[in-house]
Amino acid sequence: MSASKASPSEAPYAPASDYPFALSIVVPVYNGADSVPALVEALSALDVPGGLEIVLVNDCSPDNSLEVCRRLAQEASIPLTVVNLARNFGEHNAVMAGLGHARGAYIITMDDDLQNPPEEVVRLWRYAHDNHYDVVYTYYAQKQHAAWRNLGSRFTNWCADILIDKPKGLYLSSFRCMSGFAARAILDHAGPFPYVDGLLMQVTQNIGRLQVTHLPRAAGRSNYTLRRLVRLFLSMFLNFSVMPLRLSTMAGIGMASLGLLGFLIVLFEALAGETPQGWASLMAVTLLLAGVQLIMLGVLGEYLGRLFLTVNRKPQFVVRDVTRSAAADKPGEAA
């Protein structure tokens, strides 16, 4: 019996034999009960030659997101997998859990808030596939975020240029597409503080960028508090570079140089017979040096603490259970 021949428009997008689907979409879910149904409905309507699957990762959401996701799995007409984490691990940990269950030749990660239009998914996937990119990041002409978040994003991206060898001008967006090769490579990382973008930069420099639309949130408000943003920044700042240690060394050298200069000034005044007034300036210098030393100790302590937790095998994530739709259990037929 001869195999059926794919149409010319579909043949280039057929998944490789190692991948049951051409595209997987991984969505970490947290307080997304109101937006996830609309997102899944829109994604299910997409036309993806070679097959599409959706992986929803419930990051121990405090609302009824888990029940909503499980209901969607029961009703889904396309392959849909729900990964339920035992506790809240954070967005990047949830993404890593989703990547471990994704089976597509390409994988797109996106948020559950509908700020990234689902119709952009196919365009992003085709752009990555047609240009043979390992990773494609999206960027926006205008971001629909609060001003403080936009400012924080610019600062984080500036730091990433230095710390993780990010190509200049590349915006690190959570709406990204990666090849199955890149996803499998970063899954080898088992540390408890994953930073997906830093891992991808370590794997490949074959990276593209694509401008997409950014919409206001469909419901609720952002789950990223200042505390969460600081934790995410520290994961990027400390996990993928020794630059903070080098900066501490440079700061120490600078302070030592200032101290030597101050010593020479005091010595000159003593030889000239002038008694320095001294107390206020001495206290200022002492507090300055003590502050710099405490910052250096804090940086070293953060490195050691993360090393300690990694050596003691703090889990990157813990999956409580996995729910799959009927189509997800039969990927060959679904594709």
C-alpha atoms as a PDB file:
ATOM      1  CA  MET A   1       0.000   0.000   0.000  1.00  0.00           C
ATOM      2  CA  SER A   2       1.562   3.264  -1.105  1.00  0.00           C
ATOM      3  CA  ALA A   3       1.726   6.195   1.322  1.00  0.00           C
ATOM      4  CA  SER A   4      -0.400   9.232   0.545  1.00  0.00           C
ATOM      5  CA  LYS A   5       1.526  12.201  -0.772  1.00  0.00           C
ATOM      6  CA  ALA A   6       1.307  15.482   1.105  1.00  0.00           C
ATOM      7  CA  SER A   7       0.180  18.559  -0.767  1.00  0.00           C
ATOM      8  CA  PRO A   8       2.919  21.014  -1.821  1.00  0.00           C
ATOM      9  CA  SER A   9       1.727  23.568   0.715  1.00  0.00           C
ATOM     10  CA  GLU A  10       1.863  21.093   3.600  1.00  0.00           C
ATOM     11  CA  ALA A  11       4.956  19.055   2.772  1.00  0.00           C
ATOM     12  CA  PRO A  12       7.524  21.614   4.019  1.00  0.00           C
ATOM     13  CA  TYR A  13       5.780  21.776   7.399  1.00  0.00           C
ATOM     14  CA  ALA A  14       5.418  18.053   8.058  1.00  0.00           C
ATOM     15  CA  PRO A  15       6.990  17.216  11.436  1.00  0.00           C
ATOM     16  CA  ALA A  16      10.127  15.115  11.597  1.00  0.00           C
ATOM     17  CA  SER A  17       9.687  11.464  12.507  1.00  0.00           C
ATOM     18  CA  ASP A  18      10.921  12.173  16.053  1.00  0.00           C
ATOM     19  CA  TYR A  19       8.063  14.625  16.633  1.00  0.00           C
ATOM     20  CA  PRO A  20       4.372  13.635  16.449  1.00  0.00           C
ATOM     21  CA  PHE A  21       3.320  17.260  15.938  1.00  0.00           C
ATOM     22  CA  ALA A  22       4.593  20.148  13.877  1.00  0.00           C
ATOM     23  CA  LEU A  23       3.915  22.614  16.693  1.00  0.00           C
ATOM     24  CA  SER A  24       3.393  22.540  20.455  1.00  0.00           C
ATOM     25  CA  ILE A  25       2.127  25.540  22.410  1.00  0.00           C
ATOM     26  CA  VAL A  26       3.159  25.693  26.072  1.00  0.00           C
ATOM     27  CA  VAL A  27       1.126  27.987  28.319  1.00  0.00           C
ATOM     28  CA  PRO A  28       1.938  28.427  32.031  1.00  0.00           C
ATOM     29  CA  VAL A  29      -1.347  29.095  33.837  1.00  0.00           C
ATOM     30  CA  TYR A  30      -1.669  31.177  36.987  1.00  0.00           C
ATOM     31  CA  ASN A  31      -4.920  32.938  37.868  1.00  0.00           C
ATOM     32  CA  GLY A  32      -6.008  32.284  34.302  1.00  0.00           C
ATOM     33  CA  ALA A  33      -9.437  30.730  34.804  1.00  0.00           C
ATOM     34  CA  ASP A  34     -11.163  33.630  33.023  1.00  0.00           C
ATOM     35  CA  SER A  35      -8.825  33.823  30.029  1.00  0.00           C
ATOM     36  CA  VAL A  36      -7.660  30.253  29.343  1.00  0.00           C
ATOM     37  CA  PRO A  37     -10.946  29.006  27.757  1.00  0.00           C
ATOM     38  CA  ALA A  38     -10.905  31.801  25.169  1.00  0.00           C
ATOM     39  CA  LEU A  39      -7.203  31.206  24.515  1.00  0.00           C
ATOM     40  CA  VAL A  40      -7.655  27.452  24.001  1.00  0.00           C
ATOM     41  CA  GLU A  41     -10.665  28.039  21.748  1.00  0.00           C
ATOM     42  CA  ALA A  42      -8.688  30.443  19.564  1.00  0.00           C
ATOM     43  CA  LEU A  43      -5.630  28.158  19.426  1.00  0.00           C
ATOM     44  CA  SER A  44      -7.782  25.126  18.574  1.00  0.00           C
ATOM     45  CA  ALA A  45      -9.091  26.932  15.498  1.00  0.00           C
ATOM     46  CA  LEU A  46      -5.606  27.496  14.057  1.00  0.00           C
ATOM     47  CA  ASP A  47      -4.655  25.697  10.864  1.00  0.00           C
ATOM     48  CA  VAL A  48      -1.224  24.153  11.407  1.00  0.00           C
ATOM     49  CA  PRO A  49      -0.105  21.688   8.732  1.00  0.00           C
ATOM     50  CA  GLY A  50       1.467  18.722  10.488  1.00  0.00           C
ATOM     51  CA  GLY A  51      -0.612  18.978  13.652  1.00  0.00           C
ATOM     52  CA  LEU A  52      -0.887  21.139  16.745  1.00  0.00           C
ATOM     53  CA  GLU A  53      -0.957  20.335  20.458  1.00  0.00           C
ATOM     54  CA  ILE A  54      -1.490  22.539  23.518  1.00  0.00           C
ATOM     55  CA  VAL A  55       0.256  22.031  26.869  1.00  0.00           C
ATOM     56  CA  LEU A  56      -1.251  23.907  29.821  1.00  0.00           C
ATOM     57  CA  VAL A  57       0.883  23.999  32.982  1.00  0.00           C
ATOM     58  CA  ASN A  58      -1.050  24.842  36.131  1.00  0.00           C
ATOM     59  CA  ASP A  59       1.493  26.502  38.433  1.00  0.00           C
ATOM     60  CA  CYS A  60      -0.575  25.766  41.562  1.00  0.00           C
ATOM     61  CA  SER A  61      -2.918  28.617  40.695  1.00  0.00           C
ATOM     62  CA  PRO A  62      -4.997  29.825  43.690  1.00  0.00           C
ATOM     63  CA  ASP A  63      -8.162  30.195  41.599  1.00  0.00           C
ATOM     64  CA  ASN A  64     -10.026  27.366  39.835  1.00  0.00           C
ATOM     65  CA  SER A  65      -7.672  27.288  36.849  1.00  0.00           C
ATOM     66  CA  LEU A  66      -6.963  23.578  37.352  1.00  0.00           C
ATOM     67  CA  GLU A  67     -10.637  22.617  37.111  1.00  0.00           C
ATOM     68  CA  VAL A  68     -11.047  24.820  34.047  1.00  0.00           C
ATOM     69  CA  CYS A  69      -7.997  23.264  32.354  1.00  0.00           C
ATOM     70  CA  ARG A  70      -9.172  19.725  33.101  1.00  0.00           C
ATOM     71  CA  ARG A  71     -12.602  20.509  31.683  1.00  0.00           C
ATOM     72  CA  LEU A  72     -10.980  21.893  28.549  1.00  0.00           C
ATOM     73  CA  ALA A  73      -8.992  18.647  28.214  1.00  0.00           C
ATOM     74  CA  GLN A  74     -12.209  16.646  28.362  1.00  0.00           C
ATOM     75  CA  GLU A  75     -13.883  18.809  25.747  1.00  0.00           C
ATOM     76  CA  ALA A  76     -10.887  19.454  23.472  1.00  0.00           C
ATOM     77  CA  SER A  77     -11.060  18.438  19.839  1.00  0.00           C
ATOM     78  CA  ILE A  78      -7.276  18.717  19.471  1.00  0.00           C
ATOM     79  CA  PRO A  79      -4.441  17.204  21.553  1.00  0.00           C
ATOM     80  CA  LEU A  80      -4.373  19.022  24.903  1.00  0.00           C
ATOM     81  CA  THR A  81      -2.268  18.124  27.937  1.00  0.00           C
ATOM     82  CA  VAL A  82      -2.694  19.584  31.423  1.00  0.00           C
ATOM     83  CA  VAL A  83       0.381  19.419  33.663  1.00  0.00           C
ATOM     84  CA  ASN A  84      -0.480  20.109  37.306  1.00  0.00           C
ATOM     85  CA  LEU A  85       2.436  21.204  39.508  1.00  0.00           C
ATOM     86  CA  ALA A  86       2.466  20.335  43.209  1.00  0.00           C
ATOM     87  CA  ARG A  87       3.142  23.927  44.277  1.00  0.00           C
ATOM     88  CA  ASN A  88       3.910  27.315  42.803  1.00  0.00           C
ATOM     89  CA  PHE A  89       7.398  27.209  41.260  1.00  0.00           C
ATOM     90  CA  GLY A  90       7.333  30.321  39.056  1.00  0.00           C
ATOM     91  CA  GLU A  91       6.847  30.987  35.359  1.00  0.00           C
ATOM     92  CA  HIS A  92      10.191  29.752  34.053  1.00  0.00           C
ATOM     93  CA  ASN A  93      10.016  26.536  36.095  1.00  0.00           C
ATOM     94  CA  ALA A  94       6.491  25.980  34.766  1.00  0.00           C
ATOM     95  CA  VAL A  95       7.722  26.549  31.203  1.00  0.00           C
ATOM     96  CA  MET A  96      10.448  23.929  31.733  1.00  0.00           C
ATOM     97  CA  ALA A  97       7.804  21.476  32.965  1.00  0.00           C
ATOM     98  CA  GLY A  98       5.717  22.192  29.867  1.00  0.00           C
ATOM     99  CA  LEU A  99       8.674  21.737  27.527  1.00  0.00           C
ATOM    100  CA  GLY A 100       9.224  18.306  29.034  1.00  0.00           C
ATOM    101  CA  HIS A 101       5.728  17.267  27.928  1.00  0.00           C
ATOM    102  CA  ALA A 102       5.723  19.038  24.551  1.00  0.00           C
ATOM    103  CA  ARG A 103       6.125  16.789  21.504  1.00  0.00           C
ATOM    104  CA  GLY A 104       6.251  19.275  18.648  1.00  0.00           C
ATOM    105  CA  ALA A 105       9.040  19.878  16.144  1.00  0.00           C
ATOM    106  CA  TYR A 106       8.688  23.537  17.170  1.00  0.00           C
ATOM    107  CA  ILE A 107       7.446  24.855  20.492  1.00  0.00           C
ATOM    108  CA  ILE A 108       5.890  28.240  21.184  1.00  0.00           C
ATOM    109  CA  THR A 109       5.630  29.564  24.726  1.00  0.00           C
ATOM    110  CA  MET A 110       3.069  32.221  25.545  1.00  0.00           C
ATOM    111  CA  ASP A 111       1.208  33.687  28.520  1.00  0.00           C
ATOM    112  CA  ASP A 112      -2.399  32.932  29.401  1.00  0.00           C
ATOM    113  CA  ASP A 113      -3.569  36.569  29.421  1.00  0.00           C
ATOM    114  CA  LEU A 114      -4.439  36.928  25.703  1.00  0.00           C
ATOM    115  CA  GLN A 115      -2.078  39.876  25.298  1.00  0.00           C
ATOM    116  CA  ASN A 116      -0.453  37.940  22.463  1.00  0.00           C
ATOM    117  CA  PRO A 117      -3.111  37.423  19.752  1.00  0.00           C
ATOM    118  CA  PRO A 118      -3.456  33.693  18.987  1.00  0.00           C
ATOM    119  CA  GLU A 119      -3.505  34.451  15.259  1.00  0.00           C
ATOM    120  CA  GLU A 120       0.146  35.517  15.566  1.00  0.00           C
ATOM    121  CA  VAL A 121       1.096  31.964  16.579  1.00  0.00           C
ATOM    122  CA  VAL A 122       1.087  30.517  13.077  1.00  0.00           C
ATOM    123  CA  ARG A 123       2.994  33.505  11.683  1.00  0.00           C
ATOM    124  CA  LEU A 124       5.660  33.126  14.392  1.00  0.00           C
ATOM    125  CA  TRP A 125       5.956  29.387  13.793  1.00  0.00           C
ATOM    126  CA  ARG A 126       6.233  29.747  10.001  1.00  0.00           C
ATOM    127  CA  TYR A 127       8.856  32.482  10.410  1.00  0.00           C
ATOM    128  CA  ALA A 128      10.996  30.247  12.624  1.00  0.00           C
ATOM    129  CA  HIS A 129      10.522  27.221  10.383  1.00  0.00           C
ATOM    130  CA  ASP A 130      11.062  28.934   7.030  1.00  0.00           C
ATOM    131  CA  ASN A 131      14.227  30.723   8.209  1.00  0.00           C
ATOM    132  CA  HIS A 132      15.617  27.681  10.060  1.00  0.00           C
ATOM    133  CA  TYR A 133      15.988  29.555  13.336  1.00  0.00           C
ATOM    134  CA  ASP A 134      16.568  27.683  16.570  1.00  0.00           C
ATOM    135  CA  VAL A 135      14.805  30.455  18.501  1.00  0.00           C
ATOM    136  CA  VAL A 136      12.665  33.431  17.474  1.00  0.00           C
ATOM    137  CA  TYR A 137      11.748  36.159  19.965  1.00  0.00           C
ATOM    138  CA  THR A 138       8.905  38.563  19.414  1.00  0.00           C
ATOM    139  CA  TYR A 139       8.938  42.277  20.076  1.00  0.00           C
ATOM    140  CA  TYR A 140       6.251  44.925  20.120  1.00  0.00           C
ATOM    141  CA  ALA A 141       5.811  48.306  18.511  1.00  0.00           C
ATOM    142  CA  GLN A 142       3.941  49.331  21.663  1.00  0.00           C
ATOM    143  CA  LYS A 143       3.728  47.349  24.886  1.00  0.00           C
ATOM    144  CA  GLN A 144       0.468  47.356  26.818  1.00  0.00           C
ATOM    145  CA  HIS A 145       2.120  47.229  30.243  1.00  0.00           C
ATOM    146  CA  ALA A 146       2.415  49.671  33.116  1.00  0.00           C
ATOM    147  CA  ALA A 147       5.222  52.223  32.799  1.00  0.00           C
ATOM    148  CA  TRP A 148       7.210  50.726  35.702  1.00  0.00           C
ATOM    149  CA  ARG A 149       7.161  47.280  34.070  1.00  0.00           C
ATOM    150  CA  ASN A 150       8.317  48.692  30.734  1.00  0.00           C
ATOM    151  CA  LEU A 151      11.175  50.472  32.516  1.00  0.00           C
ATOM    152  CA  GLY A 152      12.102  47.292  34.371  1.00  0.00           C
ATOM    153  CA  SER A 153      12.060  45.313  31.116  1.00  0.00           C
ATOM    154  CA  ARG A 154      14.433  47.770  29.454  1.00  0.00           C
ATOM    155  CA  PHE A 155      16.818  47.560  32.413  1.00  0.00           C
ATOM    156  CA  THR A 156      16.690  43.752  32.437  1.00  0.00           C
ATOM    157  CA  ASN A 157      17.347  43.588  28.702  1.00  0.00           C
ATOM    158  CA  TRP A 158      20.286  45.968  29.074  1.00  0.00           C
ATOM    159  CA  CYS A 159      21.770  43.741  31.783  1.00  0.00           C
ATOM    160  CA  ALA A 160      21.143  40.661  29.625  1.00  0.00           C
ATOM    161  CA  ASP A 161      23.259  42.208  26.843  1.00  0.00           C
ATOM    162  CA  ILE A 162      26.214  42.016  29.228  1.00  0.00           C
ATOM    163  CA  LEU A 163      25.513  38.957  31.341  1.00  0.00           C
ATOM    164  CA  ILE A 164      24.147  36.250  29.028  1.00  0.00           C
ATOM    165  CA  ASP A 165      25.654  37.190  25.666  1.00  0.00           C
ATOM    166  CA  LYS A 166      22.330  38.323  24.257  1.00  0.00           C
ATOM    167  CA  PRO A 167      22.469  39.735  20.714  1.00  0.00           C
ATOM    168  CA  LYS A 168      22.152  43.511  20.738  1.00  0.00           C
ATOM    169  CA  GLY A 169      18.636  44.782  20.136  1.00  0.00           C
ATOM    170  CA  LEU A 170      16.973  41.466  20.940  1.00  0.00           C
ATOM    171  CA  TYR A 171      13.971  41.811  23.256  1.00  0.00           C
ATOM    172  CA  LEU A 172      13.497  38.869  25.607  1.00  0.00           C
ATOM    173  CA  SER A 173       9.793  38.153  25.349  1.00  0.00           C
ATOM    174  CA  SER A 174       7.862  35.267  26.894  1.00  0.00           C
ATOM    175  CA  PHE A 175       6.138  34.891  23.514  1.00  0.00           C
ATOM    176  CA  ARG A 176       8.877  32.930  21.768  1.00  0.00           C
ATOM    177  CA  CYS A 177       9.300  30.011  19.393  1.00  0.00           C
ATOM    178  CA  MET A 178      12.050  27.407  19.718  1.00  0.00           C
ATOM    179  CA  SER A 179      12.937  24.313  17.773  1.00  0.00           C
ATOM    180  CA  GLY A 180      12.627  20.860  19.289  1.00  0.00           C
ATOM    181  CA  PHE A 181      16.420  20.683  19.182  1.00  0.00           C
ATOM    182  CA  ALA A 182      16.790  23.792  21.352  1.00  0.00           C
ATOM    183  CA  ALA A 183      14.068  22.666  23.757  1.00  0.00           C
ATOM    184  CA  ARG A 184      15.669  19.253  24.267  1.00  0.00           C
ATOM    185  CA  ALA A 185      19.052  20.866  24.840  1.00  0.00           C
ATOM    186  CA  ILE A 186      17.877  23.178  27.626  1.00  0.00           C
ATOM    187  CA  LEU A 187      15.917  20.374  29.305  1.00  0.00           C
ATOM    188  CA  ASP A 188      19.273  18.880  30.303  1.00  0.00           C
ATOM    189  CA  HIS A 189      19.458  21.714  32.866  1.00  0.00           C
ATOM    190  CA  ALA A 190      18.128  20.413  36.182  1.00  0.00           C
ATOM    191  CA  GLY A 191      18.972  23.364  38.460  1.00  0.00           C
ATOM    192  CA  PRO A 192      16.237  24.807  40.703  1.00  0.00           C
ATOM    193  CA  PHE A 193      16.554  28.342  39.312  1.00  0.00           C
ATOM    194  CA  PRO A 194      16.040  28.053  35.543  1.00  0.00           C
ATOM    195  CA  TYR A 195      16.036  31.139  33.357  1.00  0.00           C
ATOM    196  CA  VAL A 196      14.786  29.964  29.981  1.00  0.00           C
ATOM    197  CA  ASP A 197      16.307  32.810  27.978  1.00  0.00           C
ATOM    198  CA  GLY A 198      19.713  32.357  29.598  1.00  0.00           C
ATOM    199  CA  LEU A 199      19.603  28.627  28.830  1.00  0.00           C
ATOM    200  CA  LEU A 200      18.686  29.292  25.200  1.00  0.00           C
ATOM    201  CA  MET A 201      21.585  31.741  24.825  1.00  0.00           C
ATOM    202  CA  GLN A 202      23.935  29.033  26.076  1.00  0.00           C
ATOM    203  CA  VAL A 203      22.614  26.564  23.499  1.00  0.00           C
ATOM    204  CA  THR A 204      22.499  28.642  20.314  1.00  0.00           C
ATOM    205  CA  GLN A 205      23.084  32.019  18.699  1.00  0.00           C
ATOM    206  CA  ASN A 206      20.882  31.157  15.706  1.00  0.00           C
ATOM    207  CA  ILE A 207      18.190  33.538  16.918  1.00  0.00           C
ATOM    208  CA  GLY A 208      15.670  35.675  15.049  1.00  0.00           C
ATOM    209  CA  ARG A 209      13.176  38.368  15.970  1.00  0.00           C
ATOM    210  CA  LEU A 210       9.680  39.144  14.726  1.00  0.00           C
ATOM    211  CA  GLN A 211       7.418  42.091  15.455  1.00  0.00           C
ATOM    212  CA  VAL A 212       3.937  41.152  16.668  1.00  0.00           C
ATOM    213  CA  THR A 213       0.915  42.895  18.124  1.00  0.00           C
ATOM    214  CA  HIS A 214       0.565  43.345  21.880  1.00  0.00           C
ATOM    215  CA  LEU A 215      -2.923  43.756  23.315  1.00  0.00           C
ATOM    216  CA  PRO A 216      -4.227  44.911  26.716  1.00  0.00           C
ATOM    217  CA  ARG A 217      -5.024  42.153  29.211  1.00  0.00           C
ATOM    218  CA  ALA A 218      -8.344  40.472  28.545  1.00  0.00           C
ATOM    219  CA  ALA A 219      -9.067  39.941  32.249  1.00  0.00           C
ATOM    220  CA  GLY A 220      -7.539  40.530  35.664  1.00  0.00           C
ATOM    221  CA  ARG A 221      -4.163  42.075  36.282  1.00  0.00           C
ATOM    222  CA  SER A 222      -0.555  41.020  35.840  1.00  0.00           C
ATOM    223  CA  ASN A 223       0.711  38.235  38.112  1.00  0.00           C
ATOM    224  CA  TYR A 224       4.176  39.788  38.084  1.00  0.00           C
ATOM    225  CA  THR A 225       4.647  41.701  41.306  1.00  0.00           C
ATOM    226  CA  LEU A 226       7.821  43.641  42.053  1.00  0.00           C
ATOM    227  CA  ARG A 227       9.016  40.731  44.196  1.00  0.00           C
ATOM    228  CA  ARG A 228       8.562  38.221  41.372  1.00  0.00           C
ATOM    229  CA  LEU A 229      10.347  40.506  38.930  1.00  0.00           C
ATOM    230  CA  VAL A 230      13.285  40.849  41.339  1.00  0.00           C
ATOM    231  CA  ARG A 231      13.489  37.051  41.723  1.00  0.00           C
ATOM    232  CA  LEU A 232      13.459  36.653  37.950  1.00  0.00           C
ATOM    233  CA  PHE A 233      16.144  39.312  37.567  1.00  0.00           C
ATOM    234  CA  LEU A 234      18.358  37.549  40.131  1.00  0.00           C
ATOM    235  CA  SER A 235      18.010  34.267  38.230  1.00  0.00           C
ATOM    236  CA  MET A 236      19.339  35.990  35.119  1.00  0.00           C
ATOM    237  CA  PHE A 237      21.893  38.078  37.032  1.00  0.00           C
ATOM    238  CA  LEU A 238      23.484  35.254  39.023  1.00  0.00           C
ATOM    239  CA  ASN A 239      22.824  31.938  37.279  1.00  0.00           C
ATOM    240  CA  PHE A 240      24.506  32.430  33.928  1.00  0.00           C
ATOM    241  CA  SER A 241      27.490  34.671  34.502  1.00  0.00           C
ATOM    242  CA  VAL A 242      30.330  35.379  36.910  1.00  0.00           C
ATOM    243  CA  MET A 243      30.150  39.027  35.888  1.00  0.00           C
ATOM    244  CA  PRO A 244      28.676  40.082  39.283  1.00  0.00           C
ATOM    245  CA  LEU A 245      31.749  38.623  40.995  1.00  0.00           C
ATOM    246  CA  ARG A 246      33.994  40.494  38.591  1.00  0.00           C
ATOM    247  CA  LEU A 247      32.046  43.696  39.214  1.00  0.00           C
ATOM    248  CA  SER A 248      32.521  43.139  42.952  1.00  0.00           C
ATOM    249  CA  THR A 249      36.256  42.739  42.391  1.00  0.00           C
ATOM    250  CA  MET A 250      36.378  45.928  40.329  1.00  0.00           C
ATOM    251  CA  ALA A 251      34.397  47.782  43.006  1.00  0.00           C
ATOM    252  CA  GLY A 252      36.844  46.512  45.623  1.00  0.00           C
ATOM    253  CA  ILE A 253      39.799  47.718  43.553  1.00  0.00           C
ATOM    254  CA  GLY A 254      38.119  51.099  43.101  1.00  0.00           C
ATOM    255  CA  MET A 255      37.446  51.461  46.825  1.00  0.00           C
ATOM    256  CA  ALA A 256      41.004  50.389  47.640  1.00  0.00           C
ATOM    257  CA  SER A 257      42.300  53.015  45.214  1.00  0.00           C
ATOM    258  CA  LEU A 258      40.179  55.697  46.878  1.00  0.00           C
ATOM    259  CA  GLY A 259      41.427  54.504  50.273  1.00  0.00           C
ATOM    260  CA  LEU A 260      45.040  54.767  49.120  1.00  0.00           C
ATOM    261  CA  LEU A 261      44.385  58.262  47.794  1.00  0.00           C
ATOM    262  CA  GLY A 262      42.825  59.244  51.118  1.00  0.00           C
ATOM    263  CA  PHE A 263      45.831  57.824  52.987  1.00  0.00           C
ATOM    264  CA  LEU A 264      48.222  59.873  50.840  1.00  0.00           C
ATOM    265  CA  ILE A 265      46.197  63.036  51.499  1.00  0.00           C
ATOM    266  CA  VAL A 266      46.191  62.435  55.248  1.00  0.00           C
ATOM    267  CA  LEU A 267      49.921  61.654  55.178  1.00  0.00           C
ATOM    268  CA  PHE A 268      50.624  64.862  53.263  1.00  0.00           C
ATOM    269  CA  GLU A 269      48.598  66.917  55.746  1.00  0.00           C
ATOM    270  CA  ALA A 270      50.413  65.282  58.667  1.00  0.00           C
ATOM    271  CA  LEU A 271      53.829  66.059  57.157  1.00  0.00           C
ATOM    272  CA  ALA A 272      52.732  69.640  56.485  1.00  0.00           C
ATOM    273  CA  GLY A 273      51.885  70.024  60.160  1.00  0.00           C
ATOM    274  CA  GLU A 274      48.159  70.446  59.603  1.00  0.00           C
ATOM    275  CA  THR A 275      45.979  68.301  61.855  1.00  0.00           C
ATOM    276  CA  PRO A 276      43.035  66.978  59.835  1.00  0.00           C
ATOM    277  CA  GLN A 277      39.571  67.707  61.196  1.00  0.00           C
ATOM    278  CA  GLY A 278      38.802  64.170  60.199  1.00  0.00           C
ATOM    279  CA  TRP A 279      35.795  62.747  62.043  1.00  0.00           C
ATOM    280  CA  ALA A 280      32.998  63.414  59.508  1.00  0.00           C
ATOM    281  CA  SER A 281      35.083  62.409  56.511  1.00  0.00           C
ATOM    282  CA  LEU A 282      36.361  59.327  58.359  1.00  0.00           C
ATOM    283  CA  MET A 283      32.846  58.172  59.168  1.00  0.00           C
ATOM    284  CA  ALA A 284      31.698  58.788  55.587  1.00  0.00           C
ATOM    285  CA  VAL A 285      34.570  56.718  54.169  1.00  0.00           C
ATOM    286  CA  THR A 286      34.019  53.968  56.762  1.00  0.00           C
ATOM    287  CA  LEU A 287      30.316  53.694  55.983  1.00  0.00           C
ATOM    288  CA  LEU A 288      31.011  53.710  52.242  1.00  0.00           C
ATOM    289  CA  LEU A 289      33.584  50.931  52.492  1.00  0.00           C
ATOM    290  CA  ALA A 290      31.410  48.921  54.869  1.00  0.00           C
ATOM    291  CA  GLY A 291      28.453  49.213  52.488  1.00  0.00           C
ATOM    292  CA  VAL A 292      30.505  48.050  49.510  1.00  0.00           C
ATOM    293  CA  GLN A 293      31.873  45.122  51.514  1.00  0.00           C
ATOM    294  CA  LEU A 294      28.373  44.066  52.581  1.00  0.00           C
ATOM    295  CA  ILE A 295      27.188  44.194  48.962  1.00  0.00           C
ATOM    296  CA  MET A 296      30.107  41.971  47.932  1.00  0.00           C
ATOM    297  CA  LEU A 297      29.339  39.554  50.756  1.00  0.00           C
ATOM    298  CA  GLY A 298      25.681  39.519  49.695  1.00  0.00           C
ATOM    299  CA  VAL A 299      26.603  38.627  46.116  1.00  0.00           C
ATOM    300  CA  LEU A 300      28.923  35.861  47.314  1.00  0.00           C
ATOM    301  CA  GLY A 301      26.252  34.632  49.733  1.00  0.00           C
ATOM    302  CA  GLU A 302      23.659  34.491  46.955  1.00  0.00           C
ATOM    303  CA  TYR A 303      25.991  32.425  44.788  1.00  0.00           C
ATOM    304  CA  LEU A 304      26.782  30.077  47.669  1.00  0.00           C
ATOM    305  CA  GLY A 305      23.115  29.764  48.629  1.00  0.00           C
ATOM    306  CA  ARG A 306      22.093  28.831  45.111  1.00  0.00           C
ATOM    307  CA  LEU A 307      24.989  26.379  44.890  1.00  0.00           C
ATOM    308  CA  PHE A 308      23.913  24.848  48.211  1.00  0.00           C
ATOM    309  CA  LEU A 309      20.315  24.393  47.031  1.00  0.00           C
ATOM    310  CA  THR A 310      21.485  22.936  43.717  1.00  0.00           C
ATOM    311  CA  VAL A 311      23.838  20.455  45.389  1.00  0.00           C
ATOM    312  CA  ASN A 312      21.004  19.430  47.723  1.00  0.00           C
ATOM    313  CA  ARG A 313      18.851  18.835  44.643  1.00  0.00           C
ATOM    314  CA  LYS A 314      16.079  21.293  45.291  1.00  0.00           C
ATOM    315  CA  PRO A 315      13.546  20.313  42.606  1.00  0.00           C
ATOM    316  CA  GLN A 316      13.089  22.481  39.566  1.00  0.00           C
ATOM    317  CA  PHE A 317       9.420  21.472  39.622  1.00  0.00           C
ATOM    318  CA  VAL A 318       7.269  18.618  40.890  1.00  0.00           C
ATOM    319  CA  VAL A 319       4.410  17.305  38.739  1.00  0.00           C
ATOM    320  CA  ARG A 320       1.454  16.111  40.779  1.00  0.00           C
ATOM    321  CA  ASP A 321      -0.528  14.705  37.860  1.00  0.00           C
ATOM    322  CA  VAL A 322      -0.992  14.948  34.103  1.00  0.00           C
ATOM    323  CA  THR A 323      -4.322  15.002  32.263  1.00  0.00           C
ATOM    324  CA  ARG A 324      -4.525  14.407  28.522  1.00  0.00           C
ATOM    325  CA  SER A 325      -7.349  14.740  26.064  1.00  0.00           C
ATOM    326  CA  ALA A 326      -8.316  11.726  23.991  1.00  0.00           C
ATOM    327  CA  ALA A 327      -6.584  13.236  20.970  1.00  0.00           C
ATOM    328  CA  ALA A 328      -3.371  13.783  22.958  1.00  0.00           C
ATOM    329  CA  ASP A 329      -3.229  10.058  23.757  1.00  0.00           C
ATOM    330  CA  LYS A 330      -3.277   9.264  20.035  1.00  0.00           C
ATOM    331  CA  PRO A 331      -0.896  11.795  18.464  1.00  0.00           C
ATOM    332  CA  GLY A 332      -0.548   9.861  15.233  1.00  0.00           C
ATOM    333  CA  GLU A 333      -4.263  10.064  14.529  1.00  0.00           C
ATOM    334  CA  ALA A 334      -4.557  13.665  15.719  1.00  0.00           C
ATOM    335  CA  ALA A 335      -1.792  14.864  13.441  1.00  0.00           C
END
